[in-house]
Amino acid sequence: MLSISKSILIAAGTLAIGLAATPTASAVTQDVWFLNAPGDSCQLSLPTIDTVVRPRANGYRNEGTAAKFVICGYGGTRYLQSLVANVQASSLDGAAHSMSCTFTAGTTAGSGLVFVTKTLAVPATGVDYVFVTAEDFGGAAGSTFSNYELSVTCNLPANVAIVHLENKQRVDVGA
């Protein structure tokens, strides 16, 4: 009986030493861009039958004569920590425009929403963008911010299209 107990103690001790010596797996993260098509992600902020603002293959376009409020969600948001979120726009009429956008992010603790307003100088030709980082939401440079309930509302000028939405997230890809 004593030899069986001794064998069990020796085996248990060996197992404990082996487990203590095994290195622990550390999390590996990767920064990944998630892209959203404005045709899927954007809609008029105030529902209306106004058809001059509409989704198209090449963006969410305001083909009318007056600015309209548009809200866009970042549907590709799968993880709760972002590094950057942006909205990109282009001119439809070959003239430069100014567009005001308010980014909104919530907290996972449910303590409320944070709003950050930025102005985008839409060029006469090509595409430009405006973005937010953790610094805009009160965080440290280079850190992440919570993208819980992440969205952007823009006062979309006439003859301007939102052509792209991006969200760079820090993703845990395992060990």
C-alpha atoms as a PDB file:
ATOM      1  CA  MET A   1       0.000   0.000   0.000  1.00  0.00           C
ATOM      2  CA  LEU A   2       2.848   2.357   0.841  1.00  0.00           C
ATOM      3  CA  SER A   3       4.526   1.807  -2.549  1.00  0.00           C
ATOM      4  CA  ILE A   4       1.310   2.707  -4.443  1.00  0.00           C
ATOM      5  CA  SER A   5       0.937   5.978  -2.486  1.00  0.00           C
ATOM      6  CA  LYS A   6       4.607   6.772  -3.100  1.00  0.00           C
ATOM      7  CA  SER A   7       4.142   6.188  -6.840  1.00  0.00           C
ATOM      8  CA  ILE A   8       1.091   8.478  -6.911  1.00  0.00           C
ATOM      9  CA  LEU A   9       2.993  11.212  -5.037  1.00  0.00           C
ATOM     10  CA  ILE A  10       5.965  10.925  -7.389  1.00  0.00           C
ATOM     11  CA  ALA A  11       3.691  11.085 -10.464  1.00  0.00           C
ATOM     12  CA  ALA A  12       1.778  14.072  -9.056  1.00  0.00           C
ATOM     13  CA  GLY A  13       5.032  15.875  -8.239  1.00  0.00           C
ATOM     14  CA  THR A  14       6.415  15.226 -11.704  1.00  0.00           C
ATOM     15  CA  LEU A  15       3.178  16.514 -13.287  1.00  0.00           C
ATOM     16  CA  ALA A  16       3.261  19.657 -11.136  1.00  0.00           C
ATOM     17  CA  ILE A  17       6.884  20.358 -12.104  1.00  0.00           C
ATOM     18  CA  GLY A  18       6.047  19.776 -15.780  1.00  0.00           C
ATOM     19  CA  LEU A  19       3.090  22.146 -15.671  1.00  0.00           C
ATOM     20  CA  ALA A  20       5.101  24.820 -13.890  1.00  0.00           C
ATOM     21  CA  ALA A  21       7.871  24.559 -16.481  1.00  0.00           C
ATOM     22  CA  THR A  22       5.479  24.774 -19.463  1.00  0.00           C
ATOM     23  CA  PRO A  23       5.582  28.263 -20.989  1.00  0.00           C
ATOM     24  CA  THR A  24       2.257  30.077 -21.011  1.00  0.00           C
ATOM     25  CA  ALA A  25       0.826  31.134 -24.339  1.00  0.00           C
ATOM     26  CA  SER A  26       0.786  34.870 -24.845  1.00  0.00           C
ATOM     27  CA  ALA A  27      -1.837  36.648 -26.886  1.00  0.00           C
ATOM     28  CA  VAL A  28      -0.798  37.846 -30.299  1.00  0.00           C
ATOM     29  CA  THR A  29      -2.606  40.791 -31.822  1.00  0.00           C
ATOM     30  CA  GLN A  30      -2.735  42.099 -35.330  1.00  0.00           C
ATOM     31  CA  ASP A  31      -4.032  45.454 -36.573  1.00  0.00           C
ATOM     32  CA  VAL A  32      -6.626  44.797 -39.288  1.00  0.00           C
ATOM     33  CA  TRP A  33      -8.561  47.216 -41.520  1.00  0.00           C
ATOM     34  CA  PHE A  34     -12.285  46.546 -41.897  1.00  0.00           C
ATOM     35  CA  LEU A  35     -13.833  48.234 -44.927  1.00  0.00           C
ATOM     36  CA  ASN A  36     -17.491  49.158 -45.324  1.00  0.00           C
ATOM     37  CA  ALA A  37     -19.393  50.052 -48.484  1.00  0.00           C
ATOM     38  CA  PRO A  38     -21.406  53.247 -47.902  1.00  0.00           C
ATOM     39  CA  GLY A  39     -24.318  51.855 -49.955  1.00  0.00           C
ATOM     40  CA  ASP A  40     -24.820  49.256 -47.221  1.00  0.00           C
ATOM     41  CA  SER A  41     -23.679  51.316 -44.246  1.00  0.00           C
ATOM     42  CA  CYS A  42     -25.290  54.748 -44.728  1.00  0.00           C
ATOM     43  CA  GLN A  43     -28.822  56.098 -44.623  1.00  0.00           C
ATOM     44  CA  LEU A  44     -30.579  59.420 -44.257  1.00  0.00           C
ATOM     45  CA  SER A  45     -30.527  60.504 -40.629  1.00  0.00           C
ATOM     46  CA  LEU A  46     -34.094  61.786 -40.902  1.00  0.00           C
ATOM     47  CA  PRO A  47     -36.245  59.326 -42.861  1.00  0.00           C
ATOM     48  CA  THR A  48     -37.804  60.877 -45.921  1.00  0.00           C
ATOM     49  CA  ILE A  49     -38.910  60.022 -49.405  1.00  0.00           C
ATOM     50  CA  ASP A  50     -36.221  62.357 -50.766  1.00  0.00           C
ATOM     51  CA  THR A  51     -34.627  60.306 -53.529  1.00  0.00           C
ATOM     52  CA  VAL A  52     -31.812  62.708 -54.421  1.00  0.00           C
ATOM     53  CA  VAL A  53     -29.689  61.122 -51.674  1.00  0.00           C
ATOM     54  CA  ARG A  54     -29.201  57.471 -52.461  1.00  0.00           C
ATOM     55  CA  PRO A  55     -26.856  54.519 -52.420  1.00  0.00           C
ATOM     56  CA  ARG A  56     -24.994  53.841 -55.627  1.00  0.00           C
ATOM     57  CA  ALA A  57     -22.269  51.398 -56.575  1.00  0.00           C
ATOM     58  CA  ASN A  58     -19.679  54.161 -56.211  1.00  0.00           C
ATOM     59  CA  GLY A  59     -20.862  55.688 -52.918  1.00  0.00           C
ATOM     60  CA  TYR A  60     -23.708  57.165 -50.918  1.00  0.00           C
ATOM     61  CA  ARG A  61     -24.439  60.241 -53.028  1.00  0.00           C
ATOM     62  CA  ASN A  62     -26.250  63.531 -52.540  1.00  0.00           C
ATOM     63  CA  GLU A  63     -27.340  64.435 -56.064  1.00  0.00           C
ATOM     64  CA  GLY A  64     -29.655  67.192 -54.812  1.00  0.00           C
ATOM     65  CA  THR A  65     -29.241  70.917 -54.218  1.00  0.00           C
ATOM     66  CA  ALA A  66     -29.201  71.021 -50.378  1.00  0.00           C
ATOM     67  CA  ALA A  67     -27.092  69.350 -47.683  1.00  0.00           C
ATOM     68  CA  LYS A  68     -28.639  66.319 -45.932  1.00  0.00           C
ATOM     69  CA  PHE A  69     -27.726  64.578 -42.672  1.00  0.00           C
ATOM     70  CA  VAL A  70     -26.536  61.028 -43.272  1.00  0.00           C
ATOM     71  CA  ILE A  71     -25.591  58.429 -40.639  1.00  0.00           C
ATOM     72  CA  CYS A  72     -23.225  55.548 -41.385  1.00  0.00           C
ATOM     73  CA  GLY A  73     -22.512  52.543 -39.183  1.00  0.00           C
ATOM     74  CA  TYR A  74     -19.295  50.565 -39.145  1.00  0.00           C
ATOM     75  CA  GLY A  75     -20.892  47.152 -39.638  1.00  0.00           C
ATOM     76  CA  GLY A  76     -17.535  45.377 -39.913  1.00  0.00           C
ATOM     77  CA  THR A  77     -16.873  46.168 -36.259  1.00  0.00           C
ATOM     78  CA  ARG A  78     -16.199  42.776 -34.701  1.00  0.00           C
ATOM     79  CA  TYR A  79     -13.853  43.651 -31.895  1.00  0.00           C
ATOM     80  CA  LEU A  80     -14.252  46.309 -29.235  1.00  0.00           C
ATOM     81  CA  GLN A  81     -10.954  48.141 -29.711  1.00  0.00           C
ATOM     82  CA  SER A  82     -10.190  50.431 -32.654  1.00  0.00           C
ATOM     83  CA  LEU A  83      -7.105  52.402 -33.582  1.00  0.00           C
ATOM     84  CA  VAL A  84      -8.633  54.538 -36.350  1.00  0.00           C
ATOM     85  CA  ALA A  85     -12.045  55.100 -37.937  1.00  0.00           C
ATOM     86  CA  ASN A  86     -12.491  57.223 -41.043  1.00  0.00           C
ATOM     87  CA  VAL A  87     -14.948  58.425 -43.652  1.00  0.00           C
ATOM     88  CA  GLN A  88     -13.877  59.234 -47.215  1.00  0.00           C
ATOM     89  CA  ALA A  89     -15.688  61.529 -49.652  1.00  0.00           C
ATOM     90  CA  SER A  90     -15.428  62.873 -53.184  1.00  0.00           C
ATOM     91  CA  SER A  91     -17.002  65.675 -55.215  1.00  0.00           C
ATOM     92  CA  LEU A  92     -19.578  64.915 -57.905  1.00  0.00           C
ATOM     93  CA  ASP A  93     -19.487  68.334 -59.578  1.00  0.00           C
ATOM     94  CA  GLY A  94     -15.764  69.128 -59.791  1.00  0.00           C
ATOM     95  CA  ALA A  95     -15.949  71.767 -57.033  1.00  0.00           C
ATOM     96  CA  ALA A  96     -14.387  71.637 -53.574  1.00  0.00           C
ATOM     97  CA  HIS A  97     -16.774  71.266 -50.601  1.00  0.00           C
ATOM     98  CA  SER A  98     -16.623  71.278 -46.808  1.00  0.00           C
ATOM     99  CA  MET A  99     -18.324  68.490 -44.879  1.00  0.00           C
ATOM    100  CA  SER A 100     -18.832  68.277 -41.116  1.00  0.00           C
ATOM    101  CA  CYS A 101     -18.925  64.784 -39.568  1.00  0.00           C
ATOM    102  CA  THR A 102     -19.560  63.698 -35.989  1.00  0.00           C
ATOM    103  CA  PHE A 103     -18.095  60.366 -34.931  1.00  0.00           C
ATOM    104  CA  THR A 104     -19.770  58.556 -32.036  1.00  0.00           C
ATOM    105  CA  ALA A 105     -18.283  55.796 -29.903  1.00  0.00           C
ATOM    106  CA  GLY A 106     -19.681  54.197 -26.776  1.00  0.00           C
ATOM    107  CA  THR A 107     -18.102  52.484 -23.840  1.00  0.00           C
ATOM    108  CA  THR A 108     -18.389  48.801 -23.043  1.00  0.00           C
ATOM    109  CA  ALA A 109     -19.215  49.767 -19.451  1.00  0.00           C
ATOM    110  CA  GLY A 110     -22.312  51.540 -20.736  1.00  0.00           C
ATOM    111  CA  SER A 111     -21.337  54.878 -19.231  1.00  0.00           C
ATOM    112  CA  GLY A 112     -22.436  56.776 -22.316  1.00  0.00           C
ATOM    113  CA  LEU A 113     -21.492  57.923 -25.758  1.00  0.00           C
ATOM    114  CA  VAL A 114     -18.617  60.184 -26.764  1.00  0.00           C
ATOM    115  CA  PHE A 115     -19.042  62.556 -29.733  1.00  0.00           C
ATOM    116  CA  VAL A 116     -16.194  64.029 -31.803  1.00  0.00           C
ATOM    117  CA  THR A 117     -16.858  66.455 -34.669  1.00  0.00           C
ATOM    118  CA  LYS A 118     -14.385  66.884 -37.519  1.00  0.00           C
ATOM    119  CA  THR A 119     -14.484  68.808 -40.798  1.00  0.00           C
ATOM    120  CA  LEU A 120     -13.497  67.224 -44.080  1.00  0.00           C
ATOM    121  CA  ALA A 121     -12.267  69.364 -46.963  1.00  0.00           C
ATOM    122  CA  VAL A 122     -13.664  67.448 -49.943  1.00  0.00           C
ATOM    123  CA  PRO A 123     -11.352  68.163 -52.908  1.00  0.00           C
ATOM    124  CA  ALA A 124     -12.591  69.175 -56.363  1.00  0.00           C
ATOM    125  CA  THR A 125     -11.041  65.985 -57.759  1.00  0.00           C
ATOM    126  CA  GLY A 126      -9.991  62.785 -56.079  1.00  0.00           C
ATOM    127  CA  VAL A 127     -10.868  61.551 -52.606  1.00  0.00           C
ATOM    128  CA  ASP A 128      -9.979  62.777 -49.140  1.00  0.00           C
ATOM    129  CA  TYR A 129     -10.872  61.594 -45.661  1.00  0.00           C
ATOM    130  CA  VAL A 130     -11.280  62.613 -42.044  1.00  0.00           C
ATOM    131  CA  PHE A 131     -10.536  60.258 -39.172  1.00  0.00           C
ATOM    132  CA  VAL A 132     -10.622  59.789 -35.410  1.00  0.00           C
ATOM    133  CA  THR A 133      -8.150  58.075 -33.074  1.00  0.00           C
ATOM    134  CA  ALA A 134      -8.010  57.368 -29.352  1.00  0.00           C
ATOM    135  CA  GLU A 135      -6.614  60.874 -28.779  1.00  0.00           C
ATOM    136  CA  ASP A 136      -9.869  62.362 -30.091  1.00  0.00           C
ATOM    137  CA  PHE A 137     -11.786  60.346 -27.495  1.00  0.00           C
ATOM    138  CA  GLY A 138      -9.482  61.373 -24.629  1.00  0.00           C
ATOM    139  CA  GLY A 139      -7.034  58.457 -24.859  1.00  0.00           C
ATOM    140  CA  ALA A 140      -3.265  58.303 -25.200  1.00  0.00           C
ATOM    141  CA  ALA A 141      -1.544  58.568 -28.579  1.00  0.00           C
ATOM    142  CA  GLY A 142      -1.263  55.175 -30.259  1.00  0.00           C
ATOM    143  CA  SER A 143      -3.736  53.498 -27.919  1.00  0.00           C
ATOM    144  CA  THR A 144      -7.097  52.025 -28.839  1.00  0.00           C
ATOM    145  CA  PHE A 145     -10.580  53.384 -28.215  1.00  0.00           C
ATOM    146  CA  SER A 146     -13.836  51.525 -27.669  1.00  0.00           C
ATOM    147  CA  ASN A 147     -15.756  51.162 -30.882  1.00  0.00           C
ATOM    148  CA  TYR A 148     -18.928  50.039 -29.150  1.00  0.00           C
ATOM    149  CA  GLU A 149     -21.786  51.708 -31.088  1.00  0.00           C
ATOM    150  CA  LEU A 150     -19.296  53.296 -33.511  1.00  0.00           C
ATOM    151  CA  SER A 151     -20.935  55.454 -36.195  1.00  0.00           C
ATOM    152  CA  VAL A 152     -20.489  58.728 -38.050  1.00  0.00           C
ATOM    153  CA  THR A 153     -23.123  61.335 -38.935  1.00  0.00           C
ATOM    154  CA  CYS A 154     -22.205  63.779 -41.704  1.00  0.00           C
ATOM    155  CA  ASN A 155     -23.917  66.829 -43.102  1.00  0.00           C
ATOM    156  CA  LEU A 156     -23.492  65.611 -46.682  1.00  0.00           C
ATOM    157  CA  PRO A 157     -23.293  68.618 -49.042  1.00  0.00           C
ATOM    158  CA  ALA A 158     -25.063  68.652 -52.385  1.00  0.00           C
ATOM    159  CA  ASN A 159     -22.945  67.006 -55.097  1.00  0.00           C
ATOM    160  CA  VAL A 160     -20.771  65.059 -52.659  1.00  0.00           C
ATOM    161  CA  ALA A 161     -20.549  61.292 -52.146  1.00  0.00           C
ATOM    162  CA  ILE A 162     -19.340  59.271 -49.192  1.00  0.00           C
ATOM    163  CA  VAL A 163     -17.231  56.697 -51.004  1.00  0.00           C
ATOM    164  CA  HIS A 164     -15.620  54.639 -48.247  1.00  0.00           C
ATOM    165  CA  LEU A 165     -15.683  53.865 -44.525  1.00  0.00           C
ATOM    166  CA  GLU A 166     -12.770  52.194 -42.734  1.00  0.00           C
ATOM    167  CA  ASN A 167     -12.132  51.007 -39.202  1.00  0.00           C
ATOM    168  CA  LYS A 168      -8.717  49.724 -38.107  1.00  0.00           C
ATOM    169  CA  GLN A 169      -9.140  47.297 -35.204  1.00  0.00           C
ATOM    170  CA  ARG A 170      -6.726  45.493 -32.920  1.00  0.00           C
ATOM    171  CA  VAL A 171      -7.597  41.812 -33.299  1.00  0.00           C
ATOM    172  CA  ASP A 172      -6.498  38.970 -30.997  1.00  0.00           C
ATOM    173  CA  VAL A 173      -5.280  36.302 -33.438  1.00  0.00           C
ATOM    174  CA  GLY A 174      -4.191  33.790 -30.793  1.00  0.00           C
ATOM    175  CA  ALA A 175      -0.809  32.549 -29.684  1.00  0.00           C
END
